[in-house]
Amino acid sequence: MEQKQEKKHEERMVRILSTDIEGKMKIYAGLTKIKGISWGLSNAICNSLKFNKNMKIGSLSEAEISKIAGIIKNPTFPKYLFNRQQDFDSGENKHLIGSDLELRKDFDIKRLKKIRSYRGLRHTIGLPMRGQRTRSHFRRNRRKGTGIKKNVKTEVKKNIK
């Protein structure tokens, strides 16, 4: 009887902060499916609520799910776990989740483009902005470019035949 009930819990989908998570996932991995929650923050949530990280997320009750949602909305963790430290607009430490995170990221990129900073220009052109090499990566078309010579012998043989 217990196995049937456990399978029933694993088959259900759990919805936390407008994100559907499969019930058969472990809590530790399942929380990372929410946009804005890293592995470190997921670990901190499990430890603060004293949940077993290996427990299936489908076996949580509605009260436990609301506890998780509440702690994600108002986190009381060290500031190094937040994804928005010293916010540009307000200067405070925040943690954004889901669509708020995507909107804020878009606004940041638009601001960088508007002030014509180096990172903003690289975003505009579509190139990497953190110093990666661009000679062999980030090519739009897959043709050979600078620094790669064609084999002259094969070109001559093709023209003869």
N, C-alpha and C. Protein backbone atom coordinates (compact mmCIF):
# COMPACT_ATOMS: atom_id res chain seq x y z
N MET A 1 0.83 -1.20 0.00
CA MET A 1 0.00 0.00 0.00
C MET A 1 0.87 1.26 0.00
N GLU A 2 1.96 1.23 0.79
CA GLU A 2 2.84 2.40 0.87
C GLU A 2 3.53 2.66 -0.46
N GLN A 3 3.91 1.58 -1.17
CA GLN A 3 4.58 1.76 -2.45
C GLN A 3 3.66 2.41 -3.47
N LYS A 4 2.38 2.03 -3.48
CA LYS A 4 1.43 2.63 -4.41
C LYS A 4 1.25 4.11 -4.10
N GLN A 5 1.16 4.44 -2.82
CA GLN A 5 0.99 5.84 -2.43
C GLN A 5 2.24 6.66 -2.77
N GLU A 6 3.41 6.04 -2.59
CA GLU A 6 4.66 6.72 -2.92
C GLU A 6 4.77 6.95 -4.43
N LYS A 7 4.37 5.96 -5.23
CA LYS A 7 4.40 6.12 -6.69
C LYS A 7 3.43 7.22 -7.11
N LYS A 8 2.29 7.31 -6.44
CA LYS A 8 1.30 8.33 -6.76
C LYS A 8 1.88 9.72 -6.54
N HIS A 9 2.64 9.89 -5.45
CA HIS A 9 3.27 11.18 -5.18
C HIS A 9 4.35 11.50 -6.21
N GLU A 10 5.08 10.46 -6.65
CA GLU A 10 6.14 10.70 -7.62
C GLU A 10 5.60 11.10 -8.98
N GLU A 11 4.40 10.67 -9.32
CA GLU A 11 3.85 10.95 -10.63
C GLU A 11 3.29 12.37 -10.74
N ARG A 12 3.00 13.00 -9.63
CA ARG A 12 2.38 14.33 -9.69
C ARG A 12 3.42 15.41 -9.97
N MET A 13 2.92 16.52 -10.52
CA MET A 13 3.77 17.67 -10.78
C MET A 13 3.58 18.66 -9.64
N VAL A 14 4.68 19.25 -9.18
CA VAL A 14 4.63 20.23 -8.10
C VAL A 14 4.88 21.59 -8.72
N ARG A 15 4.08 22.58 -8.35
CA ARG A 15 4.22 23.93 -8.90
C ARG A 15 4.71 24.86 -7.79
N ILE A 16 5.92 25.38 -7.98
CA ILE A 16 6.51 26.32 -7.02
C ILE A 16 6.87 27.58 -7.79
N LEU A 17 6.28 28.71 -7.42
CA LEU A 17 6.55 30.00 -8.03
C LEU A 17 6.46 29.95 -9.56
N SER A 18 5.33 29.49 -10.06
CA SER A 18 5.00 29.40 -11.49
C SER A 18 6.00 28.55 -12.28
N THR A 19 6.58 27.55 -11.65
CA THR A 19 7.46 26.60 -12.33
C THR A 19 7.00 25.19 -11.98
N ASP A 20 6.77 24.37 -13.00
CA ASP A 20 6.37 22.98 -12.78
C ASP A 20 7.61 22.12 -12.61
N ILE A 21 7.60 21.30 -11.56
CA ILE A 21 8.72 20.41 -11.27
C ILE A 21 8.17 19.00 -11.17
N GLU A 22 8.86 18.05 -11.80
CA GLU A 22 8.41 16.66 -11.75
C GLU A 22 8.52 16.13 -10.33
N GLY A 23 7.54 15.33 -9.92
CA GLY A 23 7.50 14.81 -8.56
C GLY A 23 8.57 13.79 -8.25
N LYS A 24 9.13 13.14 -9.27
CA LYS A 24 10.14 12.12 -9.02
C LYS A 24 11.53 12.70 -8.79
N MET A 25 11.70 14.00 -8.97
CA MET A 25 13.01 14.63 -8.74
C MET A 25 13.26 14.80 -7.25
N LYS A 26 14.53 14.81 -6.89
CA LYS A 26 14.89 15.08 -5.50
C LYS A 26 14.74 16.58 -5.24
N ILE A 27 14.52 16.95 -3.98
CA ILE A 27 14.30 18.36 -3.64
C ILE A 27 15.49 19.21 -4.04
N TYR A 28 16.69 18.72 -3.76
CA TYR A 28 17.91 19.47 -4.03
C TYR A 28 18.04 19.82 -5.51
N ALA A 29 17.77 18.87 -6.39
CA ALA A 29 17.87 19.11 -7.83
C ALA A 29 16.62 19.79 -8.37
N GLY A 30 15.48 19.49 -7.80
CA GLY A 30 14.22 20.04 -8.30
C GLY A 30 14.12 21.55 -8.12
N LEU A 31 14.65 22.07 -7.01
CA LEU A 31 14.58 23.51 -6.78
C LEU A 31 15.42 24.29 -7.79
N THR A 32 16.46 23.67 -8.34
CA THR A 32 17.29 24.37 -9.32
C THR A 32 16.57 24.55 -10.65
N LYS A 33 15.46 23.89 -10.86
CA LYS A 33 14.67 24.07 -12.09
C LYS A 33 13.99 25.44 -12.10
N ILE A 34 13.85 26.07 -10.95
CA ILE A 34 13.26 27.41 -10.87
C ILE A 34 14.33 28.40 -11.31
N LYS A 35 13.99 29.26 -12.26
CA LYS A 35 14.98 30.21 -12.79
C LYS A 35 15.38 31.19 -11.70
N GLY A 36 16.68 31.26 -11.42
CA GLY A 36 17.19 32.15 -10.39
C GLY A 36 17.65 31.43 -9.14
N ILE A 37 17.44 30.11 -9.07
CA ILE A 37 17.88 29.34 -7.90
C ILE A 37 19.04 28.46 -8.30
N SER A 38 20.18 28.69 -7.67
CA SER A 38 21.39 27.93 -7.97
C SER A 38 21.46 26.71 -7.06
N TRP A 39 22.49 25.91 -7.29
CA TRP A 39 22.69 24.73 -6.44
C TRP A 39 23.00 25.14 -5.01
N GLY A 40 23.75 26.21 -4.84
CA GLY A 40 24.09 26.68 -3.50
C GLY A 40 22.87 27.17 -2.74
N LEU A 41 22.01 27.92 -3.43
CA LEU A 41 20.79 28.42 -2.80
C LEU A 41 19.84 27.27 -2.49
N SER A 42 19.76 26.29 -3.39
CA SER A 42 18.93 25.12 -3.15
C SER A 42 19.41 24.37 -1.91
N ASN A 43 20.70 24.25 -1.76
CA ASN A 43 21.27 23.60 -0.57
C ASN A 43 20.92 24.39 0.68
N ALA A 44 21.02 25.72 0.61
CA ALA A 44 20.71 26.56 1.77
C ALA A 44 19.23 26.45 2.15
N ILE A 45 18.35 26.36 1.15
CA ILE A 45 16.92 26.23 1.43
C ILE A 45 16.64 24.90 2.13
N CYS A 46 17.23 23.82 1.62
CA CYS A 46 17.03 22.50 2.24
C CYS A 46 17.55 22.48 3.67
N ASN A 47 18.70 23.09 3.90
CA ASN A 47 19.27 23.09 5.25
C ASN A 47 18.47 23.96 6.21
N SER A 48 17.99 25.12 5.76
CA SER A 48 17.25 26.00 6.66
C SER A 48 15.88 25.44 7.03
N LEU A 49 15.26 24.71 6.11
CA LEU A 49 13.96 24.10 6.40
C LEU A 49 14.10 22.69 6.97
N LYS A 50 15.35 22.21 7.08
CA LYS A 50 15.65 20.88 7.63
C LYS A 50 14.97 19.77 6.85
N PHE A 51 15.04 19.89 5.49
CA PHE A 51 14.53 18.83 4.62
C PHE A 51 15.68 17.91 4.24
N ASN A 52 15.35 16.64 4.04
CA ASN A 52 16.34 15.70 3.50
C ASN A 52 16.47 16.01 2.00
N LYS A 53 17.68 16.27 1.54
CA LYS A 53 17.89 16.66 0.15
C LYS A 53 17.55 15.55 -0.83
N ASN A 54 17.59 14.30 -0.38
CA ASN A 54 17.32 13.17 -1.26
C ASN A 54 15.84 12.78 -1.29
N MET A 55 15.01 13.47 -0.54
CA MET A 55 13.58 13.19 -0.54
C MET A 55 12.97 13.64 -1.86
N LYS A 56 12.00 12.90 -2.36
CA LYS A 56 11.35 13.26 -3.62
C LYS A 56 10.47 14.48 -3.42
N ILE A 57 10.46 15.35 -4.41
CA ILE A 57 9.70 16.60 -4.28
C ILE A 57 8.20 16.34 -4.37
N GLY A 58 7.81 15.22 -4.97
CA GLY A 58 6.39 14.88 -5.05
C GLY A 58 5.79 14.48 -3.72
N SER A 59 6.62 14.09 -2.77
CA SER A 59 6.11 13.66 -1.46
C SER A 59 5.92 14.82 -0.49
N LEU A 60 6.20 16.05 -0.92
CA LEU A 60 6.01 17.22 -0.04
C LEU A 60 4.52 17.55 0.08
N SER A 61 4.14 18.03 1.25
CA SER A 61 2.76 18.46 1.45
C SER A 61 2.62 19.90 0.97
N GLU A 62 1.39 20.38 0.89
CA GLU A 62 1.13 21.75 0.44
C GLU A 62 1.74 22.77 1.40
N ALA A 63 1.72 22.46 2.70
CA ALA A 63 2.31 23.37 3.69
C ALA A 63 3.81 23.50 3.50
N GLU A 64 4.47 22.38 3.22
CA GLU A 64 5.91 22.41 2.99
C GLU A 64 6.26 23.16 1.70
N ILE A 65 5.43 23.00 0.69
CA ILE A 65 5.65 23.72 -0.58
C ILE A 65 5.49 25.23 -0.36
N SER A 66 4.50 25.62 0.44
CA SER A 66 4.32 27.05 0.71
C SER A 66 5.47 27.61 1.56
N LYS A 67 6.05 26.77 2.44
CA LYS A 67 7.24 27.20 3.20
C LYS A 67 8.40 27.49 2.26
N ILE A 68 8.58 26.58 1.29
CA ILE A 68 9.67 26.76 0.31
C ILE A 68 9.45 28.05 -0.48
N ALA A 69 8.21 28.26 -0.95
CA ALA A 69 7.91 29.47 -1.72
C ALA A 69 8.13 30.73 -0.88
N GLY A 70 7.76 30.66 0.40
CA GLY A 70 7.93 31.82 1.28
C GLY A 70 9.38 32.17 1.52
N ILE A 71 10.21 31.14 1.69
CA ILE A 71 11.63 31.42 1.95
C ILE A 71 12.35 31.88 0.68
N ILE A 72 11.84 31.47 -0.50
CA ILE A 72 12.43 31.93 -1.75
C ILE A 72 12.06 33.40 -1.99
N LYS A 73 10.83 33.78 -1.67
CA LYS A 73 10.40 35.16 -1.88
C LYS A 73 11.12 36.12 -0.93
N ASN A 74 11.31 35.72 0.33
CA ASN A 74 11.98 36.56 1.33
C ASN A 74 13.17 35.81 1.90
N PRO A 75 14.28 35.73 1.17
CA PRO A 75 15.42 34.95 1.67
C PRO A 75 16.15 35.66 2.80
N THR A 76 16.60 34.86 3.75
CA THR A 76 17.38 35.38 4.88
C THR A 76 18.74 34.70 4.91
N PHE A 77 19.36 34.62 3.75
CA PHE A 77 20.64 33.96 3.61
C PHE A 77 21.75 34.99 3.52
N PRO A 78 23.01 34.55 3.61
CA PRO A 78 24.12 35.49 3.41
C PRO A 78 24.06 36.13 2.03
N LYS A 79 24.58 37.34 1.93
CA LYS A 79 24.42 38.09 0.68
C LYS A 79 25.17 37.48 -0.50
N TYR A 80 26.17 36.64 -0.24
CA TYR A 80 26.90 36.05 -1.37
C TYR A 80 26.06 35.02 -2.12
N LEU A 81 24.94 34.59 -1.57
CA LEU A 81 24.05 33.67 -2.28
C LEU A 81 23.05 34.41 -3.17
N PHE A 82 22.92 35.71 -3.02
CA PHE A 82 21.96 36.48 -3.80
C PHE A 82 22.48 36.69 -5.22
N ASN A 83 21.57 36.81 -6.17
CA ASN A 83 21.99 37.01 -7.55
C ASN A 83 21.98 38.48 -7.96
N ARG A 84 21.67 39.37 -7.06
CA ARG A 84 21.63 40.80 -7.37
C ARG A 84 22.23 41.56 -6.19
N GLN A 85 23.54 41.50 -6.03
CA GLN A 85 24.20 42.16 -4.92
C GLN A 85 24.45 43.62 -5.28
N GLN A 86 24.17 44.51 -4.38
CA GLN A 86 24.32 45.95 -4.57
C GLN A 86 23.70 46.37 -5.91
N ASP A 87 22.38 46.26 -5.96
CA ASP A 87 21.61 46.57 -7.16
C ASP A 87 21.97 47.95 -7.69
N PHE A 88 22.04 48.10 -9.02
CA PHE A 88 22.46 49.36 -9.64
C PHE A 88 21.50 50.49 -9.29
N ASP A 89 20.20 50.22 -9.27
CA ASP A 89 19.21 51.26 -9.01
C ASP A 89 19.09 51.61 -7.53
N SER A 90 18.95 50.59 -6.68
CA SER A 90 18.67 50.85 -5.27
C SER A 90 19.89 50.68 -4.36
N GLY A 91 20.88 49.90 -4.78
CA GLY A 91 22.06 49.69 -3.97
C GLY A 91 21.91 48.62 -2.90
N GLU A 92 20.79 47.94 -2.86
CA GLU A 92 20.57 46.91 -1.83
C GLU A 92 20.79 45.52 -2.42
N ASN A 93 20.88 44.53 -1.55
CA ASN A 93 21.07 43.15 -1.98
C ASN A 93 19.71 42.51 -2.20
N LYS A 94 19.48 41.98 -3.37
CA LYS A 94 18.20 41.37 -3.73
C LYS A 94 18.44 39.98 -4.29
N HIS A 95 17.37 39.20 -4.33
CA HIS A 95 17.40 37.94 -5.05
C HIS A 95 16.17 37.88 -5.94
N LEU A 96 16.40 37.85 -7.26
CA LEU A 96 15.31 37.85 -8.23
C LEU A 96 15.09 36.45 -8.76
N ILE A 97 13.82 36.14 -9.08
CA ILE A 97 13.45 34.82 -9.55
C ILE A 97 12.51 34.95 -10.75
N GLY A 98 12.66 34.06 -11.72
CA GLY A 98 11.73 33.94 -12.83
C GLY A 98 11.74 35.11 -13.78
N SER A 99 10.57 35.62 -14.10
CA SER A 99 10.44 36.68 -15.09
C SER A 99 11.05 38.00 -14.60
N ASP A 100 11.06 38.23 -13.29
CA ASP A 100 11.71 39.44 -12.75
C ASP A 100 13.20 39.44 -13.08
N LEU A 101 13.82 38.27 -12.98
CA LEU A 101 15.25 38.14 -13.29
C LEU A 101 15.51 38.41 -14.77
N GLU A 102 14.66 37.86 -15.65
CA GLU A 102 14.83 38.07 -17.08
C GLU A 102 14.64 39.54 -17.45
N LEU A 103 13.63 40.18 -16.89
CA LEU A 103 13.38 41.60 -17.18
C LEU A 103 14.55 42.47 -16.72
N ARG A 104 15.04 42.23 -15.52
CA ARG A 104 16.14 43.03 -14.99
C ARG A 104 17.40 42.84 -15.83
N LYS A 105 17.63 41.61 -16.29
CA LYS A 105 18.79 41.35 -17.14
C LYS A 105 18.67 42.11 -18.46
N ASP A 106 17.47 42.10 -19.05
CA ASP A 106 17.26 42.85 -20.29
C ASP A 106 17.47 44.34 -20.08
N PHE A 107 16.98 44.87 -18.97
CA PHE A 107 17.16 46.31 -18.68
C PHE A 107 18.64 46.65 -18.51
N ASP A 108 19.39 45.76 -17.86
CA ASP A 108 20.83 45.98 -17.68
C ASP A 108 21.55 46.03 -19.03
N ILE A 109 21.20 45.11 -19.91
CA ILE A 109 21.83 45.08 -21.23
C ILE A 109 21.47 46.32 -22.03
N LYS A 110 20.21 46.77 -21.95
CA LYS A 110 19.80 47.99 -22.65
C LYS A 110 20.54 49.20 -22.10
N ARG A 111 20.75 49.24 -20.79
CA ARG A 111 21.49 50.35 -20.19
C ARG A 111 22.93 50.36 -20.67
N LEU A 112 23.56 49.19 -20.74
CA LEU A 112 24.93 49.10 -21.22
C LEU A 112 25.04 49.56 -22.68
N LYS A 113 24.04 49.19 -23.49
CA LYS A 113 24.04 49.62 -24.89
C LYS A 113 23.84 51.12 -25.00
N LYS A 114 22.98 51.66 -24.15
CA LYS A 114 22.67 53.09 -24.21
C LYS A 114 23.87 53.95 -23.85
N ILE A 115 24.64 53.54 -22.83
CA ILE A 115 25.80 54.34 -22.43
C ILE A 115 27.02 54.02 -23.29
N ARG A 116 26.87 53.11 -24.24
CA ARG A 116 27.91 52.77 -25.20
C ARG A 116 29.18 52.26 -24.52
N SER A 117 29.00 51.42 -23.50
CA SER A 117 30.15 50.83 -22.84
C SER A 117 30.70 49.69 -23.70
N TYR A 118 31.86 49.19 -23.34
CA TYR A 118 32.48 48.10 -24.10
C TYR A 118 31.56 46.88 -24.12
N ARG A 119 31.05 46.52 -22.95
CA ARG A 119 30.15 45.35 -22.88
C ARG A 119 28.89 45.59 -23.69
N GLY A 120 28.38 46.81 -23.68
CA GLY A 120 27.19 47.13 -24.46
C GLY A 120 27.44 47.01 -25.95
N LEU A 121 28.60 47.47 -26.40
CA LEU A 121 28.95 47.35 -27.82
C LEU A 121 29.09 45.90 -28.22
N ARG A 122 29.73 45.09 -27.37
CA ARG A 122 29.89 43.67 -27.68
C ARG A 122 28.53 42.96 -27.74
N HIS A 123 27.59 43.35 -26.86
CA HIS A 123 26.24 42.80 -26.92
C HIS A 123 25.59 43.17 -28.24
N THR A 124 25.76 44.41 -28.68
CA THR A 124 25.15 44.88 -29.92
C THR A 124 25.67 44.10 -31.12
N ILE A 125 26.98 43.89 -31.17
CA ILE A 125 27.59 43.18 -32.29
C ILE A 125 27.31 41.68 -32.22
N GLY A 126 27.06 41.18 -31.03
CA GLY A 126 26.81 39.75 -30.87
C GLY A 126 28.07 38.95 -30.61
N LEU A 127 29.08 39.60 -30.06
CA LEU A 127 30.33 38.93 -29.75
C LEU A 127 30.46 38.73 -28.25
N PRO A 128 31.36 37.84 -27.79
CA PRO A 128 31.52 37.64 -26.35
C PRO A 128 32.12 38.87 -25.69
N MET A 129 31.71 39.12 -24.46
CA MET A 129 32.15 40.34 -23.79
C MET A 129 33.11 40.08 -22.63
N ARG A 130 33.49 38.84 -22.42
CA ARG A 130 34.33 38.54 -21.27
C ARG A 130 35.71 38.01 -21.65
N GLY A 131 36.22 38.44 -22.80
CA GLY A 131 37.59 38.15 -23.14
C GLY A 131 37.88 36.82 -23.80
N GLN A 132 36.84 36.10 -24.26
CA GLN A 132 37.11 34.84 -24.94
C GLN A 132 37.73 35.10 -26.31
N ARG A 133 38.41 34.11 -26.85
CA ARG A 133 39.00 34.28 -28.16
C ARG A 133 37.91 34.19 -29.23
N THR A 134 38.08 34.95 -30.30
CA THR A 134 37.06 34.99 -31.34
C THR A 134 37.58 34.51 -32.69
N ARG A 135 38.84 34.13 -32.75
CA ARG A 135 39.38 33.69 -34.04
C ARG A 135 38.77 32.37 -34.47
N SER A 136 38.59 31.46 -33.53
CA SER A 136 38.08 30.14 -33.90
C SER A 136 36.66 29.89 -33.40
N HIS A 137 36.15 30.72 -32.52
CA HIS A 137 34.80 30.52 -32.00
C HIS A 137 33.92 31.70 -32.39
N PHE A 138 32.64 31.56 -32.15
CA PHE A 138 31.66 32.63 -32.37
C PHE A 138 31.56 33.03 -33.84
N ARG A 139 31.77 32.05 -34.72
CA ARG A 139 31.67 32.33 -36.15
C ARG A 139 30.22 32.18 -36.57
N ARG A 140 29.74 33.11 -37.36
CA ARG A 140 28.36 33.05 -37.83
C ARG A 140 28.22 32.02 -38.95
N ASN A 141 29.04 32.14 -39.99
CA ASN A 141 28.99 31.14 -41.05
C ASN A 141 30.17 30.20 -40.86
N ARG A 142 30.01 29.00 -41.31
CA ARG A 142 30.99 27.95 -41.01
C ARG A 142 32.09 27.84 -42.06
N ARG A 143 32.32 28.88 -42.85
CA ARG A 143 33.38 28.84 -43.84
C ARG A 143 34.73 29.12 -43.20
N LYS A 144 35.78 28.75 -43.91
CA LYS A 144 37.12 29.02 -43.40
C LYS A 144 37.40 30.51 -43.52
N GLY A 145 38.07 31.05 -42.54
CA GLY A 145 38.32 32.49 -42.52
C GLY A 145 39.80 32.80 -42.49
N THR A 146 40.14 33.83 -41.77
CA THR A 146 41.52 34.30 -41.75
C THR A 146 42.42 33.30 -41.05
N GLY A 147 43.63 33.20 -41.57
CA GLY A 147 44.62 32.35 -40.93
C GLY A 147 44.54 30.90 -41.32
N ILE A 148 43.58 30.51 -42.15
CA ILE A 148 43.44 29.12 -42.56
C ILE A 148 43.59 29.10 -44.08
N LYS A 149 44.66 28.51 -44.57
CA LYS A 149 44.92 28.48 -46.01
C LYS A 149 44.26 27.27 -46.64
N LYS A 150 43.78 27.44 -47.87
CA LYS A 150 43.24 26.31 -48.62
C LYS A 150 44.40 25.48 -49.15
N ASN A 151 44.14 24.21 -49.33
CA ASN A 151 45.16 23.33 -49.88
C ASN A 151 45.21 23.55 -51.38
N VAL A 152 46.32 24.06 -51.89
CA VAL A 152 46.45 24.44 -53.29
C VAL A 152 46.46 23.22 -54.19
N LYS A 153 47.05 22.09 -53.78
CA LYS A 153 47.18 20.90 -54.61
C LYS A 153 45.81 20.33 -54.95
N THR A 154 44.90 20.28 -53.97
CA THR A 154 43.58 19.73 -54.25
C THR A 154 42.78 20.64 -55.17
N GLU A 155 42.99 21.94 -55.09
CA GLU A 155 42.30 22.89 -55.98
C GLU A 155 42.75 22.68 -57.42
N VAL A 156 44.05 22.44 -57.63
CA VAL A 156 44.60 22.24 -58.97
C VAL A 156 44.07 20.95 -59.55
N LYS A 157 44.00 19.88 -58.76
CA LYS A 157 43.51 18.59 -59.24
C LYS A 157 42.04 18.68 -59.65
N LYS A 158 41.24 19.46 -58.94
CA LYS A 158 39.83 19.61 -59.27
C LYS A 158 39.67 20.33 -60.60
N ASN A 159 40.51 21.32 -60.87
CA ASN A 159 40.44 22.08 -62.11
C ASN A 159 40.87 21.25 -63.32
N ILE A 160 41.81 20.31 -63.13
CA ILE A 160 42.30 19.47 -64.22
C ILE A 160 41.23 18.49 -64.65
N LYS A 161 40.52 17.89 -63.74
CA LYS A 161 39.51 16.87 -64.06
C LYS A 161 38.29 17.48 -64.59
